[in-house]
């Protein structure tokens, strides 16, 4: 008998509702601007109640940034799956490369959302909080590889430098002409950031 069970119907429905709310928030924000939409409008767009929205997200900003959360969480899972004896920075870089290569063609909605975040102070602040939570999870994975305290300086610096390199690459990429490789920029940023961690 397999130890990895498929998510049950209830979990799949919850995941679908969460994704529907995120998608609705994105559509409305791109059409009207993030500062002009409300939680009520997002709930209506997704066909659920305001209370249902509150069961999944604490704010419209959290709903809008759910895609960021999913992407970084997926990358952390790829780090976790790397060989246990692989050095931390090598594992992080390999996981990032796998993530970008599997992502393939960049979703235009993701590009629009990334540009939207840069124009809204409330979204930038919420994004910092999202990344801080994910940074703690990433630090736990790095600590295992380094055999160090998850709250230690080296672990925290490694985690922060990795995520910062990916953010810098994304911001440069958003200003480049279409056709520019996001992974090439991310690879360059990771190589620069990783000189002190290799």
N, C-alpha and C. Protein backbone atom coordinates (compact mmCIF):
# COMPACT_ATOMS: atom_id res chain seq x y z
N UNK A 1 0.84 -1.19 0.00
CA UNK A 1 0.00 0.00 0.00
C UNK A 1 0.89 1.25 0.00
N UNK A 2 0.56 2.24 -0.87
CA UNK A 2 1.36 3.45 -1.00
C UNK A 2 1.20 4.35 0.22
N UNK A 3 2.32 4.97 0.62
CA UNK A 3 2.26 5.87 1.77
C UNK A 3 1.91 7.30 1.36
N UNK A 4 2.00 7.60 0.05
CA UNK A 4 1.65 8.94 -0.43
C UNK A 4 0.27 8.90 -1.05
N UNK A 5 -0.71 9.30 -0.28
CA UNK A 5 -2.09 9.27 -0.75
C UNK A 5 -2.40 10.51 -1.56
N UNK A 6 -3.24 10.35 -2.56
CA UNK A 6 -3.71 11.50 -3.33
C UNK A 6 -4.57 12.36 -2.43
N UNK A 7 -4.58 13.69 -2.66
CA UNK A 7 -5.45 14.53 -1.84
C UNK A 7 -6.90 14.09 -2.00
N UNK A 8 -7.64 14.11 -0.90
CA UNK A 8 -9.05 13.73 -0.93
C UNK A 8 -9.88 14.78 -1.64
N UNK A 9 -11.16 14.45 -1.86
CA UNK A 9 -12.07 15.36 -2.56
C UNK A 9 -12.16 16.70 -1.84
N UNK A 10 -12.26 16.66 -0.52
CA UNK A 10 -12.37 17.91 0.25
C UNK A 10 -11.15 18.81 0.04
N UNK A 11 -9.95 18.21 0.07
CA UNK A 11 -8.72 18.98 -0.12
C UNK A 11 -8.65 19.55 -1.53
N UNK A 12 -9.08 18.74 -2.52
CA UNK A 12 -9.06 19.21 -3.91
C UNK A 12 -10.03 20.37 -4.11
N UNK A 13 -11.19 20.30 -3.46
CA UNK A 13 -12.17 21.39 -3.57
C UNK A 13 -11.64 22.66 -2.91
N UNK A 14 -11.00 22.50 -1.77
CA UNK A 14 -10.42 23.67 -1.09
C UNK A 14 -9.33 24.30 -1.96
N UNK A 15 -8.49 23.47 -2.55
CA UNK A 15 -7.42 23.99 -3.42
C UNK A 15 -8.01 24.71 -4.63
N UNK A 16 -9.09 24.15 -5.18
CA UNK A 16 -9.74 24.77 -6.34
C UNK A 16 -10.36 26.12 -5.98
N UNK A 17 -10.97 26.19 -4.80
CA UNK A 17 -11.57 27.46 -4.35
C UNK A 17 -10.49 28.51 -4.12
N UNK A 18 -9.41 28.11 -3.48
CA UNK A 18 -8.30 29.04 -3.24
C UNK A 18 -7.75 29.58 -4.57
N UNK A 19 -7.57 28.67 -5.54
CA UNK A 19 -7.06 29.07 -6.85
C UNK A 19 -8.05 29.98 -7.58
N UNK A 20 -9.34 29.68 -7.45
CA UNK A 20 -10.37 30.50 -8.10
C UNK A 20 -10.37 31.92 -7.52
N UNK A 21 -10.19 32.04 -6.22
CA UNK A 21 -10.13 33.36 -5.59
C UNK A 21 -8.89 34.13 -6.05
N UNK A 22 -7.77 33.44 -6.13
CA UNK A 22 -6.54 34.08 -6.63
C UNK A 22 -6.73 34.56 -8.06
N UNK A 23 -7.28 33.69 -8.90
CA UNK A 23 -7.49 34.05 -10.31
C UNK A 23 -8.44 35.23 -10.44
N UNK A 24 -9.50 35.23 -9.64
CA UNK A 24 -10.47 36.33 -9.67
C UNK A 24 -9.81 37.64 -9.24
N UNK A 25 -9.01 37.56 -8.19
CA UNK A 25 -8.30 38.76 -7.72
C UNK A 25 -7.37 39.30 -8.80
N UNK A 26 -6.68 38.40 -9.48
CA UNK A 26 -5.76 38.82 -10.54
C UNK A 26 -6.51 39.48 -11.69
N UNK A 27 -7.60 38.86 -12.13
CA UNK A 27 -8.37 39.43 -13.25
C UNK A 27 -8.83 40.85 -12.91
N UNK A 28 -9.40 41.02 -11.72
CA UNK A 28 -9.92 42.32 -11.32
C UNK A 28 -8.80 43.35 -11.15
N UNK A 29 -7.69 42.93 -10.57
CA UNK A 29 -6.57 43.86 -10.34
C UNK A 29 -5.97 44.34 -11.66
N UNK A 30 -5.84 43.43 -12.61
CA UNK A 30 -5.28 43.80 -13.91
C UNK A 30 -6.24 44.72 -14.66
N UNK A 31 -7.53 44.46 -14.52
CA UNK A 31 -8.54 45.26 -15.23
C UNK A 31 -8.76 46.63 -14.58
N UNK A 32 -8.81 46.67 -13.25
CA UNK A 32 -9.20 47.90 -12.55
C UNK A 32 -8.08 48.54 -11.72
N UNK A 33 -7.02 47.78 -11.43
CA UNK A 33 -5.98 48.26 -10.52
C UNK A 33 -6.18 47.67 -9.14
N UNK A 34 -5.09 47.24 -8.52
CA UNK A 34 -5.19 46.55 -7.22
C UNK A 34 -5.79 47.43 -6.14
N UNK A 35 -5.55 48.74 -6.21
CA UNK A 35 -6.05 49.64 -5.18
C UNK A 35 -7.55 49.89 -5.30
N UNK A 36 -8.14 49.51 -6.44
CA UNK A 36 -9.56 49.80 -6.66
C UNK A 36 -10.47 48.59 -6.45
N UNK A 37 -9.90 47.45 -6.13
CA UNK A 37 -10.74 46.26 -5.95
C UNK A 37 -10.94 46.00 -4.47
N UNK A 38 -12.01 45.28 -4.16
CA UNK A 38 -12.35 44.95 -2.77
C UNK A 38 -12.46 43.44 -2.61
N UNK A 39 -12.43 43.04 -1.36
CA UNK A 39 -12.63 41.61 -1.05
C UNK A 39 -13.99 41.16 -1.56
N UNK A 40 -15.00 42.01 -1.38
CA UNK A 40 -16.36 41.66 -1.83
C UNK A 40 -16.38 41.44 -3.35
N UNK A 41 -15.70 42.29 -4.09
CA UNK A 41 -15.66 42.16 -5.55
C UNK A 41 -14.96 40.86 -5.96
N UNK A 42 -13.89 40.52 -5.25
CA UNK A 42 -13.17 39.27 -5.55
C UNK A 42 -14.07 38.07 -5.28
N UNK A 43 -14.75 38.08 -4.13
CA UNK A 43 -15.66 36.98 -3.78
C UNK A 43 -16.76 36.84 -4.82
N UNK A 44 -17.36 37.98 -5.24
CA UNK A 44 -18.41 37.95 -6.26
C UNK A 44 -17.87 37.38 -7.57
N UNK A 45 -16.69 37.83 -7.96
CA UNK A 45 -16.08 37.37 -9.23
C UNK A 45 -15.84 35.86 -9.20
N UNK A 46 -15.47 35.34 -8.02
CA UNK A 46 -15.20 33.91 -7.89
C UNK A 46 -16.47 33.09 -7.61
N UNK A 47 -17.59 33.80 -7.35
CA UNK A 47 -18.85 33.10 -7.10
C UNK A 47 -18.96 32.49 -5.72
N UNK A 48 -18.31 33.15 -4.73
CA UNK A 48 -18.38 32.65 -3.36
C UNK A 48 -18.77 33.81 -2.43
N UNK A 49 -19.02 33.48 -1.17
CA UNK A 49 -19.40 34.51 -0.21
C UNK A 49 -18.17 35.20 0.36
N UNK A 50 -18.40 36.35 0.98
CA UNK A 50 -17.32 37.09 1.65
C UNK A 50 -16.73 36.23 2.77
N UNK A 51 -17.58 35.49 3.45
CA UNK A 51 -17.10 34.61 4.53
C UNK A 51 -16.19 33.51 3.97
N UNK A 52 -16.57 32.97 2.81
CA UNK A 52 -15.72 31.94 2.19
C UNK A 52 -14.35 32.52 1.86
N UNK A 53 -14.34 33.74 1.32
CA UNK A 53 -13.06 34.39 1.03
C UNK A 53 -12.20 34.43 2.29
N UNK A 54 -12.80 34.83 3.42
CA UNK A 54 -12.07 34.96 4.67
C UNK A 54 -11.54 33.63 5.20
N UNK A 55 -12.15 32.53 4.77
CA UNK A 55 -11.66 31.21 5.17
C UNK A 55 -10.34 30.87 4.48
N UNK A 56 -10.05 31.56 3.38
CA UNK A 56 -8.87 31.23 2.58
C UNK A 56 -7.79 32.30 2.63
N UNK A 57 -8.20 33.55 2.67
CA UNK A 57 -7.23 34.65 2.65
C UNK A 57 -7.63 35.71 3.66
N UNK A 58 -6.62 36.36 4.25
CA UNK A 58 -6.91 37.40 5.25
C UNK A 58 -7.08 38.77 4.62
N UNK A 59 -6.70 38.92 3.34
CA UNK A 59 -6.79 40.22 2.68
C UNK A 59 -6.74 40.02 1.17
N UNK A 60 -7.08 41.10 0.45
CA UNK A 60 -7.00 41.02 -1.01
C UNK A 60 -5.55 40.87 -1.46
N UNK A 61 -4.62 41.50 -0.69
CA UNK A 61 -3.20 41.40 -1.03
C UNK A 61 -2.72 39.95 -0.95
N UNK A 62 -3.17 39.26 0.09
CA UNK A 62 -2.78 37.85 0.23
C UNK A 62 -3.33 37.02 -0.92
N UNK A 63 -4.55 37.31 -1.34
CA UNK A 63 -5.14 36.59 -2.48
C UNK A 63 -4.35 36.86 -3.75
N UNK A 64 -3.96 38.11 -3.95
CA UNK A 64 -3.21 38.47 -5.15
C UNK A 64 -1.83 37.82 -5.17
N UNK A 65 -1.22 37.65 -4.02
CA UNK A 65 0.14 37.13 -3.95
C UNK A 65 0.20 35.61 -3.77
N UNK A 66 -0.94 34.96 -3.82
CA UNK A 66 -0.95 33.51 -3.64
C UNK A 66 -0.10 32.80 -4.69
N UNK A 67 -0.05 33.35 -5.90
CA UNK A 67 0.78 32.75 -6.95
C UNK A 67 2.26 32.76 -6.56
N UNK A 68 2.72 33.86 -5.94
CA UNK A 68 4.09 33.94 -5.44
C UNK A 68 4.34 32.84 -4.42
N UNK A 69 3.39 32.69 -3.49
CA UNK A 69 3.52 31.68 -2.45
C UNK A 69 3.65 30.29 -3.08
N UNK A 70 2.78 29.99 -4.06
CA UNK A 70 2.82 28.68 -4.71
C UNK A 70 4.16 28.43 -5.39
N UNK A 71 4.66 29.43 -6.11
CA UNK A 71 5.90 29.25 -6.85
C UNK A 71 7.09 29.00 -5.92
N UNK A 72 7.23 29.84 -4.88
CA UNK A 72 8.37 29.66 -3.98
C UNK A 72 8.23 28.35 -3.19
N UNK A 73 7.00 28.01 -2.81
CA UNK A 73 6.78 26.75 -2.10
C UNK A 73 7.17 25.56 -2.98
N UNK A 74 6.87 25.64 -4.27
CA UNK A 74 7.27 24.57 -5.21
C UNK A 74 8.79 24.47 -5.29
N UNK A 75 9.45 25.63 -5.29
CA UNK A 75 10.90 25.61 -5.36
C UNK A 75 11.51 25.01 -4.10
N UNK A 76 10.92 25.31 -2.95
CA UNK A 76 11.41 24.72 -1.69
C UNK A 76 11.26 23.20 -1.73
N UNK A 77 10.17 22.72 -2.30
CA UNK A 77 9.97 21.27 -2.44
C UNK A 77 11.07 20.67 -3.33
N UNK A 78 11.47 21.39 -4.36
CA UNK A 78 12.55 20.91 -5.24
C UNK A 78 13.88 20.88 -4.49
N UNK A 79 14.11 21.87 -3.63
CA UNK A 79 15.33 21.88 -2.80
C UNK A 79 15.31 20.66 -1.89
N UNK A 80 14.17 20.40 -1.27
CA UNK A 80 14.02 19.26 -0.36
C UNK A 80 14.31 17.94 -1.06
N UNK A 81 14.00 17.86 -2.35
CA UNK A 81 14.16 16.62 -3.12
C UNK A 81 15.58 16.41 -3.63
N UNK A 82 16.45 17.41 -3.49
CA UNK A 82 17.82 17.26 -3.96
C UNK A 82 18.58 16.26 -3.08
N UNK A 83 19.66 15.65 -3.62
CA UNK A 83 20.43 14.68 -2.82
C UNK A 83 20.89 15.29 -1.50
N UNK A 84 20.79 14.50 -0.43
CA UNK A 84 21.08 14.99 0.92
C UNK A 84 22.53 15.45 1.09
N UNK A 85 23.46 14.86 0.32
CA UNK A 85 24.87 15.22 0.48
C UNK A 85 25.29 16.37 -0.43
N UNK A 86 24.37 16.94 -1.18
CA UNK A 86 24.70 18.04 -2.08
C UNK A 86 24.89 19.32 -1.26
N UNK A 87 25.95 20.09 -1.50
CA UNK A 87 26.14 21.34 -0.76
C UNK A 87 24.93 22.28 -0.92
N UNK A 88 24.68 23.07 0.11
CA UNK A 88 23.46 23.89 0.16
C UNK A 88 23.28 24.79 -1.05
N UNK A 89 24.31 25.58 -1.40
CA UNK A 89 24.13 26.53 -2.51
C UNK A 89 23.97 25.79 -3.84
N UNK A 90 24.67 24.68 -4.01
CA UNK A 90 24.52 23.88 -5.23
C UNK A 90 23.10 23.32 -5.33
N UNK A 91 22.54 22.88 -4.20
CA UNK A 91 21.17 22.36 -4.18
C UNK A 91 20.17 23.46 -4.51
N UNK A 92 20.38 24.64 -3.96
CA UNK A 92 19.48 25.77 -4.23
C UNK A 92 19.52 26.14 -5.71
N UNK A 93 20.71 26.23 -6.27
CA UNK A 93 20.86 26.61 -7.68
C UNK A 93 20.25 25.56 -8.60
N UNK A 94 20.50 24.28 -8.29
CA UNK A 94 19.95 23.20 -9.12
C UNK A 94 18.42 23.18 -9.05
N UNK A 95 17.88 23.42 -7.85
CA UNK A 95 16.42 23.46 -7.70
C UNK A 95 15.83 24.63 -8.48
N UNK A 96 16.50 25.79 -8.44
CA UNK A 96 16.03 26.95 -9.18
C UNK A 96 16.06 26.68 -10.68
N UNK A 97 17.12 26.05 -11.15
CA UNK A 97 17.21 25.74 -12.58
C UNK A 97 16.09 24.79 -13.00
N UNK A 98 15.86 23.75 -12.20
CA UNK A 98 14.79 22.81 -12.50
C UNK A 98 13.44 23.53 -12.53
N UNK A 99 13.23 24.41 -11.56
CA UNK A 99 11.97 25.15 -11.47
C UNK A 99 11.74 25.99 -12.72
N UNK A 100 12.74 26.77 -13.12
CA UNK A 100 12.57 27.64 -14.29
C UNK A 100 12.43 26.85 -15.58
N UNK A 101 13.16 25.75 -15.69
CA UNK A 101 13.06 24.94 -16.92
C UNK A 101 11.69 24.26 -17.01
N UNK A 102 11.17 23.79 -15.86
CA UNK A 102 9.83 23.17 -15.86
C UNK A 102 8.73 24.20 -16.09
N UNK A 103 8.99 25.45 -15.69
CA UNK A 103 8.00 26.51 -15.88
C UNK A 103 7.77 26.77 -17.36
N UNK A 104 8.82 26.59 -18.18
CA UNK A 104 8.68 26.77 -19.63
C UNK A 104 8.29 28.19 -19.99
N UNK A 105 7.36 28.31 -20.91
CA UNK A 105 6.90 29.64 -21.33
C UNK A 105 6.28 30.36 -20.16
N UNK A 106 6.65 31.61 -19.99
CA UNK A 106 6.17 32.38 -18.85
C UNK A 106 4.72 32.78 -19.07
N UNK A 107 3.90 32.52 -18.06
CA UNK A 107 2.47 32.85 -18.09
C UNK A 107 2.29 34.37 -18.16
N UNK A 108 1.60 34.87 -19.18
CA UNK A 108 1.40 36.33 -19.29
C UNK A 108 0.72 36.93 -18.06
N UNK A 109 -0.17 36.16 -17.41
CA UNK A 109 -0.83 36.66 -16.20
C UNK A 109 0.18 36.86 -15.08
N UNK A 110 1.14 35.95 -14.98
CA UNK A 110 2.18 36.08 -13.96
C UNK A 110 3.02 37.32 -14.23
N UNK A 111 3.35 37.57 -15.50
CA UNK A 111 4.13 38.76 -15.85
C UNK A 111 3.33 40.01 -15.48
N UNK A 112 2.04 40.02 -15.82
CA UNK A 112 1.19 41.18 -15.49
C UNK A 112 1.12 41.37 -13.98
N UNK A 113 1.01 40.29 -13.21
CA UNK A 113 0.95 40.39 -11.76
C UNK A 113 2.27 40.91 -11.20
N UNK A 114 3.38 40.43 -11.75
CA UNK A 114 4.68 40.87 -11.27
C UNK A 114 4.87 42.36 -11.52
N UNK A 115 4.40 42.84 -12.65
CA UNK A 115 4.50 44.28 -12.93
C UNK A 115 3.56 45.08 -12.03
N UNK A 116 2.40 44.50 -11.77
CA UNK A 116 1.41 45.15 -10.90
C UNK A 116 1.96 45.35 -9.49
N UNK A 117 2.63 44.32 -8.97
CA UNK A 117 3.17 44.39 -7.61
C UNK A 117 4.12 45.58 -7.47
N UNK A 118 4.92 45.84 -8.50
CA UNK A 118 5.91 46.91 -8.41
C UNK A 118 5.28 48.30 -8.33
N UNK A 119 4.01 48.41 -8.73
CA UNK A 119 3.36 49.73 -8.75
C UNK A 119 2.50 49.99 -7.52
N UNK A 120 2.32 48.99 -6.66
CA UNK A 120 1.41 49.12 -5.51
C UNK A 120 2.16 48.92 -4.20
N UNK A 121 2.26 49.97 -3.40
CA UNK A 121 3.00 49.88 -2.13
C UNK A 121 2.42 48.81 -1.21
N UNK A 122 1.08 48.67 -1.19
CA UNK A 122 0.47 47.68 -0.30
C UNK A 122 0.85 46.26 -0.72
N UNK A 123 1.00 46.04 -2.02
CA UNK A 123 1.38 44.71 -2.50
C UNK A 123 2.85 44.44 -2.23
N UNK A 124 3.69 45.46 -2.35
CA UNK A 124 5.11 45.28 -2.05
C UNK A 124 5.28 44.87 -0.59
N UNK A 125 4.55 45.54 0.31
CA UNK A 125 4.62 45.20 1.73
C UNK A 125 4.13 43.79 2.01
N UNK A 126 3.02 43.41 1.37
CA UNK A 126 2.48 42.06 1.56
C UNK A 126 3.43 41.01 0.98
N UNK A 127 4.09 41.37 -0.12
CA UNK A 127 5.04 40.43 -0.73
C UNK A 127 6.23 40.18 0.21
N UNK A 128 6.68 41.23 0.89
CA UNK A 128 7.78 41.08 1.85
C UNK A 128 7.38 40.10 2.96
N UNK A 129 6.14 40.21 3.45
CA UNK A 129 5.65 39.29 4.48
C UNK A 129 5.58 37.85 3.96
N UNK A 130 5.08 37.70 2.72
CA UNK A 130 4.99 36.36 2.11
C UNK A 130 6.37 35.73 2.01
N UNK A 131 7.33 36.51 1.52
CA UNK A 131 8.68 35.99 1.35
C UNK A 131 9.34 35.71 2.70
N UNK A 132 9.03 36.49 3.72
CA UNK A 132 9.60 36.25 5.05
C UNK A 132 9.16 34.90 5.59
N UNK A 133 7.87 34.58 5.40
CA UNK A 133 7.36 33.29 5.87
C UNK A 133 8.02 32.14 5.11
N UNK A 134 8.17 32.30 3.80
CA UNK A 134 8.79 31.26 2.99
C UNK A 134 10.29 31.16 3.27
N UNK A 135 10.90 32.28 3.62
CA UNK A 135 12.32 32.27 3.95
C UNK A 135 12.59 31.41 5.18
N UNK A 136 11.67 31.44 6.15
CA UNK A 136 11.82 30.59 7.35
C UNK A 136 11.78 29.12 6.95
N UNK A 137 10.85 28.78 6.05
CA UNK A 137 10.74 27.38 5.61
C UNK A 137 11.99 26.96 4.84
N UNK A 138 12.47 27.85 3.98
CA UNK A 138 13.69 27.56 3.22
C UNK A 138 14.88 27.43 4.15
N UNK A 139 14.95 28.27 5.17
CA UNK A 139 16.06 28.21 6.14
C UNK A 139 16.11 26.85 6.84
N UNK A 140 14.95 26.29 7.11
CA UNK A 140 14.92 24.96 7.75
C UNK A 140 15.57 23.91 6.86
N UNK A 141 15.32 24.00 5.55
CA UNK A 141 15.93 23.05 4.60
C UNK A 141 17.44 23.26 4.51
N UNK A 142 17.85 24.51 4.47
CA UNK A 142 19.28 24.83 4.38
C UNK A 142 20.01 24.39 5.64
N UNK A 143 19.36 24.58 6.80
CA UNK A 143 19.98 24.20 8.07
C UNK A 143 20.30 22.71 8.12
N UNK A 144 19.42 21.90 7.57
CA UNK A 144 19.64 20.45 7.54
C UNK A 144 20.91 20.15 6.75
N UNK A 145 21.08 20.82 5.61
CA UNK A 145 22.25 20.57 4.76
C UNK A 145 23.54 21.09 5.39
N UNK A 146 23.45 22.20 6.09
CA UNK A 146 24.64 22.78 6.71
C UNK A 146 24.92 22.19 8.09
N UNK A 147 23.94 21.45 8.64
CA UNK A 147 24.08 20.94 10.00
C UNK A 147 24.20 22.08 10.99
N UNK A 148 23.38 23.09 10.77
CA UNK A 148 23.49 24.33 11.55
C UNK A 148 22.12 24.71 12.11
N UNK A 149 22.12 25.71 12.96
CA UNK A 149 20.90 26.25 13.57
C UNK A 149 20.09 27.00 12.51
N UNK A 150 18.79 26.68 12.34
CA UNK A 150 17.97 27.39 11.35
C UNK A 150 17.91 28.89 11.58
N UNK A 151 18.17 29.33 12.82
CA UNK A 151 18.16 30.76 13.12
C UNK A 151 19.57 31.34 13.09
N UNK A 152 20.55 30.54 12.69
CA UNK A 152 21.94 31.01 12.65
C UNK A 152 22.20 31.98 11.51
N UNK A 153 23.27 32.74 11.64
CA UNK A 153 23.60 33.78 10.66
C UNK A 153 23.83 33.19 9.27
N UNK A 154 24.65 32.14 9.19
CA UNK A 154 24.97 31.57 7.86
C UNK A 154 23.73 31.04 7.17
N UNK A 155 22.88 30.35 7.90
CA UNK A 155 21.64 29.80 7.32
C UNK A 155 20.75 30.94 6.83
N UNK A 156 20.54 31.93 7.69
CA UNK A 156 19.66 33.05 7.33
C UNK A 156 20.22 33.85 6.15
N UNK A 157 21.55 34.06 6.14
CA UNK A 157 22.17 34.78 5.03
C UNK A 157 22.04 34.00 3.73
N UNK A 158 22.21 32.69 3.78
CA UNK A 158 22.10 31.86 2.58
C UNK A 158 20.69 31.94 2.02
N UNK A 159 19.71 31.78 2.88
CA UNK A 159 18.30 31.83 2.47
C UNK A 159 17.94 33.19 1.89
N UNK A 160 18.32 34.25 2.58
CA UNK A 160 17.99 35.61 2.14
C UNK A 160 18.69 35.94 0.82
N UNK A 161 19.96 35.54 0.68
CA UNK A 161 20.71 35.83 -0.55
C UNK A 161 20.09 35.10 -1.74
N UNK A 162 19.67 33.87 -1.53
CA UNK A 162 19.05 33.08 -2.60
C UNK A 162 17.77 33.76 -3.09
N UNK A 163 16.89 34.09 -2.18
CA UNK A 163 15.62 34.71 -2.57
C UNK A 163 15.83 36.11 -3.15
N UNK A 164 16.80 36.85 -2.62
CA UNK A 164 17.09 38.18 -3.15
C UNK A 164 17.61 38.08 -4.58
N UNK A 165 18.46 37.11 -4.85
CA UNK A 165 18.99 36.93 -6.20
C UNK A 165 17.86 36.65 -7.20
N UNK A 166 16.90 35.83 -6.79
CA UNK A 166 15.77 35.54 -7.68
C UNK A 166 14.91 36.77 -7.90
N UNK A 167 14.71 37.58 -6.85
CA UNK A 167 13.92 38.82 -6.99
C UNK A 167 14.62 39.82 -7.91
N UNK A 168 15.93 39.97 -7.74
CA UNK A 168 16.69 40.90 -8.58
C UNK A 168 16.61 40.46 -10.03
N UNK A 169 16.80 39.18 -10.29
CA UNK A 169 16.72 38.67 -11.67
C UNK A 169 15.35 38.94 -12.27
N UNK A 170 14.29 38.72 -11.49
CA UNK A 170 12.94 38.95 -11.99
C UNK A 170 12.74 40.43 -12.34
N UNK A 171 13.18 41.33 -11.47
CA UNK A 171 12.98 42.76 -11.73
C UNK A 171 13.76 43.23 -12.96
N UNK A 172 14.96 42.70 -13.15
CA UNK A 172 15.73 43.04 -14.36
C UNK A 172 15.01 42.49 -15.58
N UNK A 173 14.54 41.25 -15.47
CA UNK A 173 13.88 40.58 -16.60
C UNK A 173 12.61 41.33 -17.03
N UNK A 174 11.85 41.84 -16.06
CA UNK A 174 10.61 42.55 -16.38
C UNK A 174 10.87 43.80 -17.22
N UNK A 175 12.07 44.36 -17.12
CA UNK A 175 12.41 45.56 -17.89
C UNK A 175 13.12 45.25 -19.20
N UNK A 176 13.41 43.98 -19.45
CA UNK A 176 14.10 43.59 -20.67
C UNK A 176 13.09 43.32 -21.80
N UNK A 177 13.56 43.32 -23.04
CA UNK A 177 12.66 43.04 -24.17
C UNK A 177 12.15 41.61 -24.11
N UNK A 178 10.97 41.34 -24.73
CA UNK A 178 10.45 39.97 -24.79
C UNK A 178 11.49 39.05 -25.43
N UNK A 179 11.50 37.81 -24.95
CA UNK A 179 12.44 36.84 -25.48
C UNK A 179 13.68 36.67 -24.61
N UNK A 180 13.89 37.60 -23.67
CA UNK A 180 15.02 37.47 -22.74
C UNK A 180 14.77 36.26 -21.83
N UNK A 181 15.81 35.47 -21.62
CA UNK A 181 15.67 34.27 -20.79
C UNK A 181 15.70 34.64 -19.30
N UNK A 182 14.61 34.31 -18.60
CA UNK A 182 14.56 34.56 -17.16
C UNK A 182 15.57 33.69 -16.44
N UNK A 183 15.71 32.43 -16.86
CA UNK A 183 16.66 31.55 -16.17
C UNK A 183 18.09 32.04 -16.35
N UNK A 184 18.46 32.57 -17.52
CA UNK A 184 19.83 33.06 -17.70
C UNK A 184 20.13 34.20 -16.73
N UNK A 185 19.17 35.11 -16.55
CA UNK A 185 19.37 36.19 -15.60
C UNK A 185 19.42 35.66 -14.16
N UNK A 186 18.52 34.71 -13.85
CA UNK A 186 18.51 34.13 -12.51
C UNK A 186 19.81 33.38 -12.23
N UNK A 187 20.31 32.67 -13.24
CA UNK A 187 21.56 31.92 -13.10
C UNK A 187 22.73 32.86 -12.82
N UNK A 188 22.76 33.99 -13.55
CA UNK A 188 23.81 34.99 -13.34
C UNK A 188 23.72 35.59 -11.93
N UNK A 189 22.50 35.91 -11.51
CA UNK A 189 22.30 36.50 -10.17
C UNK A 189 22.70 35.50 -9.08
N UNK A 190 22.33 34.24 -9.26
CA UNK A 190 22.67 33.22 -8.26
C UNK A 190 24.18 33.00 -8.19
N UNK A 191 24.83 33.04 -9.35
CA UNK A 191 26.29 32.87 -9.37
C UNK A 191 26.97 34.01 -8.62
N UNK A 192 26.48 35.23 -8.84
CA UNK A 192 27.06 36.39 -8.15
C UNK A 192 26.81 36.29 -6.63
N UNK A 193 25.56 36.00 -6.27
CA UNK A 193 25.22 35.92 -4.85
C UNK A 193 25.91 34.76 -4.16
N UNK A 194 26.11 33.69 -4.89
CA UNK A 194 26.63 32.47 -4.28
C UNK A 194 28.13 32.43 -4.07
N UNK A 195 28.85 33.47 -4.51
CA UNK A 195 30.30 33.42 -4.37
C UNK A 195 30.74 33.25 -2.91
N UNK A 196 29.97 33.81 -2.00
CA UNK A 196 30.32 33.68 -0.59
C UNK A 196 29.77 32.44 0.08
N UNK A 197 28.97 31.64 -0.67
CA UNK A 197 28.33 30.48 -0.05
C UNK A 197 28.76 29.16 -0.67
N UNK A 198 29.45 29.23 -1.81
CA UNK A 198 29.84 28.01 -2.52
C UNK A 198 30.88 27.24 -1.71
